[in-house]
Structures are given as structure tokens and as C-alpha cells.
N, C-alpha and C. Protein backbone atom coordinates (compact mmCIF):
# COMPACT_ATOMS: atom_id res chain seq x y z
N MET A 1 -1.69 -0.37 -16.03
CA MET A 1 -2.94 -1.37 -16.04
C MET A 1 -2.32 -1.81 -14.29
N LYS A 2 -3.50 -2.33 -14.01
CA LYS A 2 -4.02 -2.70 -12.36
C LYS A 2 -4.18 -4.24 -12.44
N LEU A 3 -3.85 -5.12 -11.51
CA LEU A 3 -4.20 -6.26 -11.34
C LEU A 3 -5.72 -5.84 -11.20
N GLY A 4 -6.04 -5.23 -10.75
CA GLY A 4 -7.63 -5.14 -10.46
C GLY A 4 -8.33 -5.09 -11.53
N ASP A 5 -8.06 -4.53 -12.99
CA ASP A 5 -8.20 -4.15 -14.14
C ASP A 5 -8.26 -5.37 -15.04
N VAL A 6 -7.28 -6.28 -14.56
CA VAL A 6 -6.99 -7.49 -15.49
C VAL A 6 -7.95 -8.31 -15.02
N ILE A 7 -8.28 -8.24 -13.24
CA ILE A 7 -9.03 -9.21 -12.97
C ILE A 7 -10.49 -8.83 -13.06
N ARG A 8 -11.26 -7.83 -13.37
CA ARG A 8 -12.42 -7.35 -13.68
C ARG A 8 -12.62 -7.49 -15.09
N LYS A 9 -11.81 -7.63 -16.24
CA LYS A 9 -12.01 -8.25 -17.46
C LYS A 9 -12.14 -9.20 -17.76
N GLU A 10 -11.25 -10.04 -16.80
CA GLU A 10 -11.52 -11.50 -17.40
C GLU A 10 -12.86 -11.88 -16.63
N ARG A 11 -12.87 -11.45 -15.43
CA ARG A 11 -14.47 -12.05 -14.88
C ARG A 11 -15.73 -11.41 -16.02
N GLU A 12 -15.58 -10.44 -16.68
CA GLU A 12 -16.48 -9.91 -17.57
C GLU A 12 -16.36 -10.70 -18.63
N ARG A 13 -15.07 -11.24 -19.46
CA ARG A 13 -14.56 -12.01 -20.56
C ARG A 13 -15.89 -13.43 -20.30
N CYS A 14 -15.58 -13.78 -18.95
CA CYS A 14 -16.20 -15.37 -18.78
C CYS A 14 -17.47 -15.05 -18.47
N GLY A 15 -18.32 -13.93 -18.67
CA GLY A 15 -19.73 -14.02 -18.00
C GLY A 15 -20.20 -13.81 -16.34
N ILE A 16 -19.29 -13.44 -15.68
CA ILE A 16 -19.28 -13.97 -14.34
C ILE A 16 -19.72 -12.74 -13.21
N SER A 17 -20.61 -12.31 -12.87
CA SER A 17 -21.46 -11.24 -12.03
C SER A 17 -20.02 -11.31 -10.48
N VAL A 18 -20.31 -9.98 -10.58
CA VAL A 18 -19.56 -9.33 -9.29
C VAL A 18 -19.90 -10.41 -8.00
N VAL A 19 -21.05 -10.53 -7.85
CA VAL A 19 -21.49 -11.48 -6.30
C VAL A 19 -21.40 -12.94 -6.99
N GLN A 20 -21.58 -13.46 -8.30
CA GLN A 20 -20.72 -14.61 -8.48
C GLN A 20 -19.13 -14.92 -7.72
N ALA A 21 -18.37 -14.04 -8.40
CA ALA A 21 -17.15 -13.98 -8.00
C ALA A 21 -16.88 -14.03 -6.56
N ALA A 22 -17.64 -12.98 -5.76
CA ALA A 22 -17.17 -12.89 -4.70
C ALA A 22 -17.60 -14.26 -3.93
N GLU A 23 -19.09 -14.75 -3.86
CA GLU A 23 -19.35 -16.13 -3.59
C GLU A 23 -18.20 -17.21 -3.48
N THR A 24 -17.46 -17.15 -4.95
CA THR A 24 -16.82 -18.18 -5.19
C THR A 24 -15.54 -17.97 -4.41
N LEU A 25 -15.08 -16.96 -4.17
CA LEU A 25 -13.98 -16.38 -3.52
C LEU A 25 -13.83 -16.60 -2.13
N LYS A 26 -15.47 -16.42 -1.47
CA LYS A 26 -15.86 -16.23 -0.12
C LYS A 26 -15.32 -15.04 0.52
N LEU A 27 -15.80 -13.93 -0.25
CA LEU A 27 -15.43 -12.54 0.01
C LEU A 27 -16.75 -11.71 0.01
N ASP A 28 -17.10 -10.78 1.15
CA ASP A 28 -18.05 -9.34 0.75
C ASP A 28 -17.76 -9.02 -0.32
N VAL A 29 -19.13 -8.71 -0.77
CA VAL A 29 -19.22 -7.63 -2.31
C VAL A 29 -18.22 -6.74 -2.61
N GLU A 30 -18.49 -6.03 -1.27
CA GLU A 30 -17.45 -4.74 -0.90
C GLU A 30 -15.81 -4.95 -1.05
N ASP A 31 -15.88 -6.26 -0.17
CA ASP A 31 -14.08 -6.41 -0.50
C ASP A 31 -13.63 -7.21 -1.76
N TYR A 32 -14.79 -7.86 -2.26
CA TYR A 32 -14.30 -8.15 -4.06
C TYR A 32 -14.20 -7.13 -4.57
N ALA A 33 -14.62 -6.07 -4.34
CA ALA A 33 -15.22 -4.68 -5.19
C ALA A 33 -13.64 -3.92 -4.92
N ARG A 34 -12.98 -4.10 -3.81
CA ARG A 34 -11.87 -3.50 -3.92
C ARG A 34 -10.39 -4.13 -4.49
N ILE A 35 -10.74 -5.01 -4.82
CA ILE A 35 -9.44 -6.51 -5.43
C ILE A 35 -9.66 -5.36 -6.74
N GLU A 36 -11.29 -5.28 -7.09
CA GLU A 36 -11.41 -4.84 -8.99
C GLU A 36 -10.88 -3.56 -8.85
N ASN A 37 -11.13 -2.93 -7.87
CA ASN A 37 -10.71 -1.38 -7.82
C ASN A 37 -9.12 -0.67 -7.52
N GLY A 38 -8.34 -2.21 -7.71
CA GLY A 38 -6.96 -2.12 -7.14
C GLY A 38 -6.37 -1.56 -5.67
N GLN A 39 -7.08 -1.54 -4.83
CA GLN A 39 -7.39 -1.62 -3.60
C GLN A 39 -6.92 -2.75 -2.71
N SER A 40 -6.21 -3.71 -3.32
CA SER A 40 -6.01 -5.06 -2.28
C SER A 40 -4.44 -5.35 -2.08
N ALA A 41 -4.34 -6.08 -1.35
CA ALA A 41 -2.74 -6.34 -1.20
C ALA A 41 -1.99 -7.21 -2.50
N ALA A 42 -2.80 -7.66 -3.23
CA ALA A 42 -2.74 -8.23 -4.55
C ALA A 42 -1.69 -7.01 -5.44
N GLU A 43 -2.12 -5.94 -5.46
CA GLU A 43 -1.41 -5.22 -6.19
C GLU A 43 -0.24 -4.82 -5.88
N GLN A 44 0.18 -5.07 -4.47
CA GLN A 44 1.58 -5.00 -3.87
C GLN A 44 2.40 -6.55 -4.16
N TRP A 45 1.46 -6.97 -3.66
CA TRP A 45 2.35 -8.40 -3.49
C TRP A 45 2.34 -9.64 -4.81
N GLY A 46 1.32 -9.24 -5.33
CA GLY A 46 0.91 -10.28 -6.52
C GLY A 46 2.37 -10.39 -7.86
N PRO A 47 2.74 -8.92 -8.26
CA PRO A 47 3.62 -8.83 -8.79
C PRO A 47 5.27 -9.59 -8.48
N ILE A 48 5.30 -8.80 -6.83
CA ILE A 48 6.69 -9.54 -6.40
C ILE A 48 6.67 -11.45 -6.35
N ILE A 49 5.26 -11.90 -6.11
CA ILE A 49 5.15 -13.17 -6.24
C ILE A 49 5.67 -13.80 -7.46
N ALA A 50 5.38 -13.51 -8.69
CA ALA A 50 5.62 -13.57 -9.93
C ALA A 50 6.87 -13.22 -10.28
N THR A 51 7.23 -12.02 -9.70
CA THR A 51 8.96 -12.31 -9.99
C THR A 51 9.60 -13.33 -9.46
N MET A 52 9.04 -13.79 -8.30
CA MET A 52 9.65 -14.10 -7.40
C MET A 52 9.83 -15.93 -8.19
N ALA A 53 8.70 -16.28 -8.58
CA ALA A 53 8.24 -17.47 -9.48
C ALA A 53 9.54 -17.57 -10.63
N MET A 54 9.29 -16.71 -11.04
CA MET A 54 10.33 -16.55 -12.66
C MET A 54 11.56 -16.57 -12.15
N LYS A 55 12.24 -16.13 -10.80
CA LYS A 55 13.79 -16.38 -10.43
C LYS A 55 13.89 -17.76 -10.14
N LEU A 56 13.28 -18.25 -9.58
CA LEU A 56 13.31 -19.39 -8.86
C LEU A 56 12.74 -20.44 -9.81
N GLU A 57 12.53 -19.82 -11.01
CA GLU A 57 12.02 -20.90 -12.37
C GLU A 57 11.09 -22.32 -12.06
N VAL A 58 9.95 -21.47 -11.11
CA VAL A 58 9.18 -22.17 -10.49
C VAL A 58 7.60 -21.83 -11.01
N PRO A 59 6.88 -22.54 -11.13
CA PRO A 59 5.48 -21.54 -11.92
C PRO A 59 4.90 -21.16 -10.37
N MET A 60 4.01 -19.95 -10.96
CA MET A 60 3.89 -19.32 -9.74
C MET A 60 2.77 -19.81 -9.01
N ALA A 61 1.58 -20.93 -9.26
CA ALA A 61 0.80 -21.61 -8.56
C ALA A 61 1.52 -22.46 -7.86
N ARG A 62 2.43 -23.21 -7.89
CA ARG A 62 3.16 -23.88 -6.97
C ARG A 62 4.16 -23.10 -5.93
N LEU A 63 4.12 -21.78 -6.19
CA LEU A 63 4.97 -21.14 -5.18
C LEU A 63 3.85 -20.92 -4.11
N LEU A 64 2.26 -20.82 -4.49
CA LEU A 64 1.44 -20.04 -3.75
C LEU A 64 0.67 -21.69 -3.19
N SER A 65 1.12 -22.96 -3.71
CA SER A 65 0.08 -24.00 -2.84
C SER A 65 0.81 -25.30 -3.25
N VAL A 66 1.25 -26.09 -2.22
CA VAL A 66 1.41 -27.45 -2.51
C VAL A 66 1.21 -28.40 -3.81
N ASN A 67 0.12 -28.16 -4.37
CA ASN A 67 -0.32 -28.65 -5.65
C ASN A 67 -0.78 -27.86 -6.35
N GLY A 68 -0.50 -26.38 -6.62
CA GLY A 68 -1.05 -25.72 -7.24
C GLY A 68 -2.43 -25.08 -7.57
N ARG A 69 -3.17 -25.62 -6.69
CA ARG A 69 -4.55 -25.53 -6.81
C ARG A 69 -4.73 -24.74 -5.51
N SER A 70 -5.95 -24.02 -5.38
CA SER A 70 -6.62 -23.26 -4.34
C SER A 70 -7.05 -24.27 -2.97
N ASP A 71 -7.21 -25.52 -3.22
CA ASP A 71 -7.14 -25.93 -2.07
C ASP A 71 -6.22 -26.49 -1.98
N GLY A 72 -4.67 -26.43 -2.26
CA GLY A 72 -3.69 -26.64 -1.40
C GLY A 72 -3.17 -25.94 -0.90
N VAL A 73 -3.53 -24.38 -0.60
CA VAL A 73 -3.05 -23.56 -0.12
C VAL A 73 -3.06 -24.05 1.83
N ASP A 74 -4.19 -24.13 2.22
CA ASP A 74 -3.94 -24.27 3.66
C ASP A 74 -2.88 -25.57 3.70
N ARG A 75 -2.40 -26.69 3.28
CA ARG A 75 -1.64 -27.46 3.59
C ARG A 75 -0.20 -27.30 4.07
N SER A 76 0.51 -25.87 3.57
CA SER A 76 1.20 -25.14 3.72
C SER A 76 1.39 -23.89 3.76
N SER A 77 2.34 -22.90 4.41
CA SER A 77 1.80 -21.44 3.92
C SER A 77 3.09 -21.08 2.52
N VAL A 78 2.56 -20.04 2.25
CA VAL A 78 3.26 -19.73 1.21
C VAL A 78 4.57 -19.33 1.36
N GLY A 79 5.18 -18.33 2.64
CA GLY A 79 6.66 -18.50 3.35
C GLY A 79 6.92 -19.70 3.18
N HIS A 80 6.54 -20.82 3.96
CA HIS A 80 7.04 -21.84 3.80
C HIS A 80 7.62 -22.71 2.55
N LEU A 81 6.73 -22.58 1.72
CA LEU A 81 6.67 -22.83 0.20
C LEU A 81 7.98 -22.21 -0.88
N LEU A 82 7.70 -20.75 -0.32
CA LEU A 82 8.81 -19.92 -0.76
C LEU A 82 10.26 -20.18 -0.22
N ALA A 83 10.55 -20.26 0.70
CA ALA A 83 11.75 -20.44 1.36
C ALA A 83 12.45 -22.24 0.97
N GLN A 84 11.14 -22.90 1.03
CA GLN A 84 11.75 -24.19 0.33
C GLN A 84 12.03 -24.26 -0.97
N HIS A 85 11.33 -23.63 -1.68
CA HIS A 85 11.98 -23.58 -2.97
C HIS A 85 13.12 -22.75 -3.34
N ARG A 86 12.87 -21.81 -2.67
CA ARG A 86 14.55 -20.98 -2.57
C ARG A 86 15.69 -21.90 -2.35
N ARG A 87 15.57 -22.33 -1.15
CA ARG A 87 16.61 -23.55 -0.37
C ARG A 87 17.02 -24.46 -1.98
N ALA A 88 16.19 -24.85 -2.53
CA ALA A 88 16.32 -26.13 -3.54
C ALA A 88 16.79 -25.54 -4.31
N ALA A 89 16.23 -23.87 -4.88
CA ALA A 89 17.61 -23.23 -5.85
C ALA A 89 18.87 -22.57 -5.40
N GLY A 90 18.84 -22.96 -4.53
CA GLY A 90 20.62 -22.80 -3.92
C GLY A 90 20.84 -21.39 -3.59
N ILE A 91 19.89 -20.87 -3.16
CA ILE A 91 19.94 -18.90 -3.26
C ILE A 91 19.84 -18.94 -1.78
N SER A 92 20.62 -17.80 -0.97
CA SER A 92 20.32 -17.41 0.52
C SER A 92 19.25 -16.70 0.18
N SER A 93 18.81 -16.07 1.27
CA SER A 93 17.59 -15.26 1.94
C SER A 93 17.86 -14.22 1.78
N ASP A 94 18.86 -13.75 2.06
CA ASP A 94 19.73 -12.44 1.75
C ASP A 94 19.80 -12.06 0.31
N ALA A 95 20.47 -13.14 -0.30
CA ALA A 95 20.86 -13.30 -1.87
C ALA A 95 19.68 -12.98 -2.59
N PHE A 96 18.84 -13.34 -2.48
CA PHE A 96 17.28 -13.70 -3.13
C PHE A 96 16.64 -12.24 -2.83
N ALA A 97 16.31 -11.54 -1.86
CA ALA A 97 15.98 -10.25 -1.10
C ALA A 97 16.60 -9.28 -1.65
N ARG A 98 17.77 -9.42 -2.64
CA ARG A 98 18.90 -8.52 -2.86
C ARG A 98 18.40 -8.62 -4.38
N GLN A 99 18.09 -9.62 -5.40
CA GLN A 99 17.93 -9.72 -6.46
C GLN A 99 16.31 -9.37 -6.90
N LEU A 100 15.03 -9.40 -5.70
CA LEU A 100 14.08 -8.85 -5.81
C LEU A 100 14.12 -7.26 -5.34
N GLY A 101 15.32 -6.85 -4.89
CA GLY A 101 15.19 -5.43 -4.63
C GLY A 101 14.58 -4.97 -3.48
N MET A 102 14.15 -6.15 -2.32
CA MET A 102 13.82 -6.05 -1.33
C MET A 102 14.72 -5.92 0.16
N ASP A 103 14.03 -5.62 0.86
CA ASP A 103 14.93 -5.29 2.16
C ASP A 103 14.95 -6.90 2.26
N VAL A 104 16.24 -7.26 3.73
CA VAL A 104 16.58 -8.69 3.60
C VAL A 104 15.52 -8.84 4.75
N GLY A 105 15.22 -8.03 5.96
CA GLY A 105 14.14 -8.27 6.82
C GLY A 105 12.60 -8.05 6.43
N GLU A 106 12.35 -7.40 5.63
CA GLU A 106 11.16 -7.98 4.67
C GLU A 106 10.71 -8.74 4.10
N TYR A 107 11.78 -9.18 3.44
CA TYR A 107 11.78 -10.67 2.73
C TYR A 107 11.37 -11.87 3.61
N THR A 108 12.27 -11.78 4.62
CA THR A 108 12.52 -12.71 5.83
C THR A 108 11.19 -12.72 6.36
N GLY A 109 10.54 -11.54 6.36
CA GLY A 109 9.58 -11.37 7.48
C GLY A 109 8.10 -12.55 6.45
N VAL A 110 8.29 -12.34 5.16
CA VAL A 110 7.79 -13.53 4.15
C VAL A 110 7.92 -14.61 4.31
N GLU A 111 8.90 -15.27 4.59
CA GLU A 111 9.18 -16.26 4.32
C GLU A 111 8.53 -16.67 5.82
N GLU A 112 9.04 -16.12 6.79
CA GLU A 112 8.44 -16.57 8.16
C GLU A 112 6.93 -16.51 8.22
N GLY A 113 6.03 -15.86 7.53
CA GLY A 113 4.61 -15.64 7.87
C GLY A 113 4.17 -14.44 8.43
N ALA A 114 5.27 -13.50 8.74
CA ALA A 114 4.81 -12.35 9.38
C ALA A 114 4.05 -11.74 8.49
N VAL A 115 3.90 -11.56 6.74
CA VAL A 115 3.36 -11.12 6.02
C VAL A 115 2.21 -12.06 5.24
N PRO A 116 0.61 -11.62 5.72
CA PRO A 116 0.01 -12.31 5.48
C PRO A 116 -0.37 -13.18 4.27
N LEU A 117 0.37 -13.97 3.03
CA LEU A 117 0.19 -14.01 1.85
C LEU A 117 -1.01 -15.47 1.58
N ASP A 118 -0.87 -16.01 2.92
CA ASP A 118 -1.70 -17.39 2.04
C ASP A 118 -3.84 -17.20 1.95
N PRO A 119 -4.15 -15.70 2.80
CA PRO A 119 -5.30 -15.37 1.47
C PRO A 119 -5.00 -15.10 0.49
N LEU A 120 -4.35 -14.08 0.63
CA LEU A 120 -3.73 -13.47 -1.03
C LEU A 120 -4.01 -14.98 -2.47
N ALA A 121 -2.87 -15.74 -1.46
CA ALA A 121 -2.93 -16.90 -2.53
C ALA A 121 -3.95 -17.40 -3.05
N ARG A 122 -5.08 -18.05 -1.68
CA ARG A 122 -6.06 -18.67 -1.82
C ARG A 122 -7.18 -17.87 -3.13
N TRP A 123 -7.14 -16.57 -2.61
CA TRP A 123 -8.34 -16.38 -3.75
C TRP A 123 -7.16 -16.21 -5.08
N LEU A 124 -6.29 -15.94 -4.97
CA LEU A 124 -5.69 -15.61 -6.80
C LEU A 124 -6.08 -16.83 -7.25
N LEU A 125 -5.49 -18.13 -6.65
CA LEU A 125 -5.74 -19.39 -7.40
C LEU A 125 -6.86 -19.73 -7.87
N THR A 126 -8.17 -19.35 -6.51
CA THR A 126 -9.35 -19.88 -6.68
C THR A 126 -9.97 -19.08 -8.04
N PHE A 127 -9.20 -17.50 -8.18
CA PHE A 127 -10.05 -16.74 -9.18
C PHE A 127 -9.42 -16.98 -10.55
N SER A 128 -8.40 -17.59 -10.54
CA SER A 128 -7.69 -18.31 -11.76
C SER A 128 -8.24 -19.36 -12.45
N GLU A 129 -8.68 -20.08 -11.52
CA GLU A 129 -9.33 -21.58 -11.48
C GLU A 129 -11.34 -21.16 -12.12
N LEU A 130 -11.47 -20.11 -11.80
CA LEU A 130 -12.81 -19.78 -12.10
C LEU A 130 -13.06 -19.36 -13.34
N VAL A 131 -11.67 -18.40 -13.48
CA VAL A 131 -11.85 -17.78 -15.52
C VAL A 131 -10.92 -18.44 -16.04
N ASP A 132 -10.49 -19.89 -15.57
CA ASP A 132 -9.74 -20.97 -16.31
C ASP A 132 -8.46 -20.41 -17.04
N GLN A 133 -7.29 -19.55 -16.34
CA GLN A 133 -6.33 -18.76 -16.42
C GLN A 133 -5.46 -19.47 -15.70
N PRO A 134 -3.82 -19.47 -16.11
CA PRO A 134 -2.95 -19.59 -15.08
C PRO A 134 -3.19 -18.39 -14.22
N VAL A 135 -2.73 -18.87 -12.97
CA VAL A 135 -2.47 -17.41 -11.93
C VAL A 135 -1.31 -16.60 -12.40
N PHE A 136 -0.34 -17.14 -13.15
CA PHE A 136 0.70 -15.82 -13.53
C PHE A 136 0.41 -15.37 -14.95
N ASN A 137 -0.64 -15.44 -15.92
CA ASN A 137 -1.46 -15.03 -16.47
C ASN A 137 -2.22 -13.66 -16.08
N LEU A 138 -2.42 -13.73 -15.01
CA LEU A 138 -3.22 -12.55 -14.54
C LEU A 138 -2.12 -11.21 -13.95
N PHE A 139 -1.00 -11.71 -13.98
CA PHE A 139 -0.03 -10.57 -13.96
C PHE A 139 0.60 -10.60 -15.22
N PHE A 140 0.82 -11.52 -16.19
CA PHE A 140 1.32 -10.95 -17.53
C PHE A 140 0.21 -11.42 -18.53
N PRO A 141 -0.32 -10.39 -18.56
CA PRO A 141 -1.68 -10.55 -19.56
C PRO A 141 -0.96 -10.09 -20.76
N CYS A 142 -1.55 -11.21 -22.20
CA CYS A 142 -0.57 -10.57 -23.03
C CYS A 142 0.57 -10.88 -23.18
N GLY A 143 1.31 -11.76 -22.31
CA GLY A 143 2.73 -12.26 -22.20
C GLY A 143 3.48 -11.16 -21.69
N LEU A 144 2.87 -9.91 -21.40
CA LEU A 144 3.68 -8.59 -20.96
C LEU A 144 3.36 -8.11 -19.64
N PRO A 145 4.58 -7.42 -18.44
CA PRO A 145 4.08 -7.38 -17.47
C PRO A 145 2.96 -6.02 -17.27
N MET A 146 2.16 -6.12 -16.25
CA MET A 146 1.00 -5.14 -16.07
C MET A 146 1.29 -3.87 -16.29
N GLU A 147 2.35 -3.31 -15.99
CA GLU A 147 2.71 -2.22 -16.07
C GLU A 147 3.02 -1.73 -17.79
N ARG A 148 3.50 -2.67 -18.84
CA ARG A 148 3.43 -2.42 -20.04
C ARG A 148 2.27 -2.15 -20.82
N ILE A 149 1.28 -2.87 -19.94
CA ILE A 149 0.20 -2.59 -20.52
C ILE A 149 -0.94 -1.45 -20.63
N ASP A 150 -1.35 -0.49 -21.67
CA ASP A 150 -2.34 0.37 -21.49
C ASP A 150 -3.45 0.04 -21.27
N ASP A 151 -3.50 -1.25 -21.97
CA ASP A 151 -5.38 -1.52 -22.32
C ASP A 151 -5.15 -2.65 -22.47
N TYR A 152 -6.16 -3.87 -21.76
CA TYR A 152 -6.29 -5.24 -22.14
C TYR A 152 -7.63 -5.62 -22.37
N PRO A 153 -7.90 -6.34 -23.96
CA PRO A 153 -8.86 -6.21 -24.24
C PRO A 153 -10.26 -7.25 -23.50
């Protein structure tokens, strides 16, 4: 199962149209459709961010935003928050990259903002607010990782 499938089903469960969802996320309908079709950066980075949150024992929303809400994304970059939480946990960037199975350079790029996760964080948090679900639940629907779910009602 893809994140796009979960997003579509959550949108439908709440009776929200594609147009309403796109407007709320400040996206073109075509860009929003790509998200539901599993053709967005969220498919790659969302599960990685969820894993980071678990390993750092930080709520995913707080890893994406200083206040845990979509309006807090502008106050600090996701990379900066990630580095802050990693340092607070007493883990080096090299060790954390290894824990995640990532290349150290790629992970460092995330912390330095070379991987633009802020727009992704903003729309993930905005969508979770729209469907009244914790952002983490989008990656672990029914309490299971997406890759272990064949269908999500």
C-alpha cells in the first residue's frame, strides 16, 4: 500500500472532495492528484521521517514543525528540527544515518536543507489536520507500517 492510497481513503472517509483537499493544501488539483497516485516525494521521504521520529522518540508532528501544526513549519526548517532532536538524543549524524540505513552524505543533506522537506511537512501536517488524524497515523494506518497492509478500509 502507498501513502497516496491512505491519503485518498482518509479524504474519502471524511467526505472531502479532491478540489477541497487541493485548495486546503494550496496545491493545483493536478499536483494533489499526483499525491494520491503515489507520485510525490512523500512516498520516499514520509516513511523515512516516520522512522526518524520513532528512533528519536519524538512525535512526528514535532519533527516536522516547532509547534506540531502546519502553521509552525515556517518557523524552522525540518532539517534544523531534525538536527536539534538528534543532538538532544545524543546521537551523532553519522550514527543516526547508519541507524536509518541512509548514506551519511544524504542524511547530512537533509539536516542542511539540501533535501527540501519543508513543503512536504507543511502539506502532510495540513492534510492530517484536515482529516483530524495524527500525521504519524498516515504512515501507520491500523497501527501497522503501510508496507504490511494490503488494503485499508
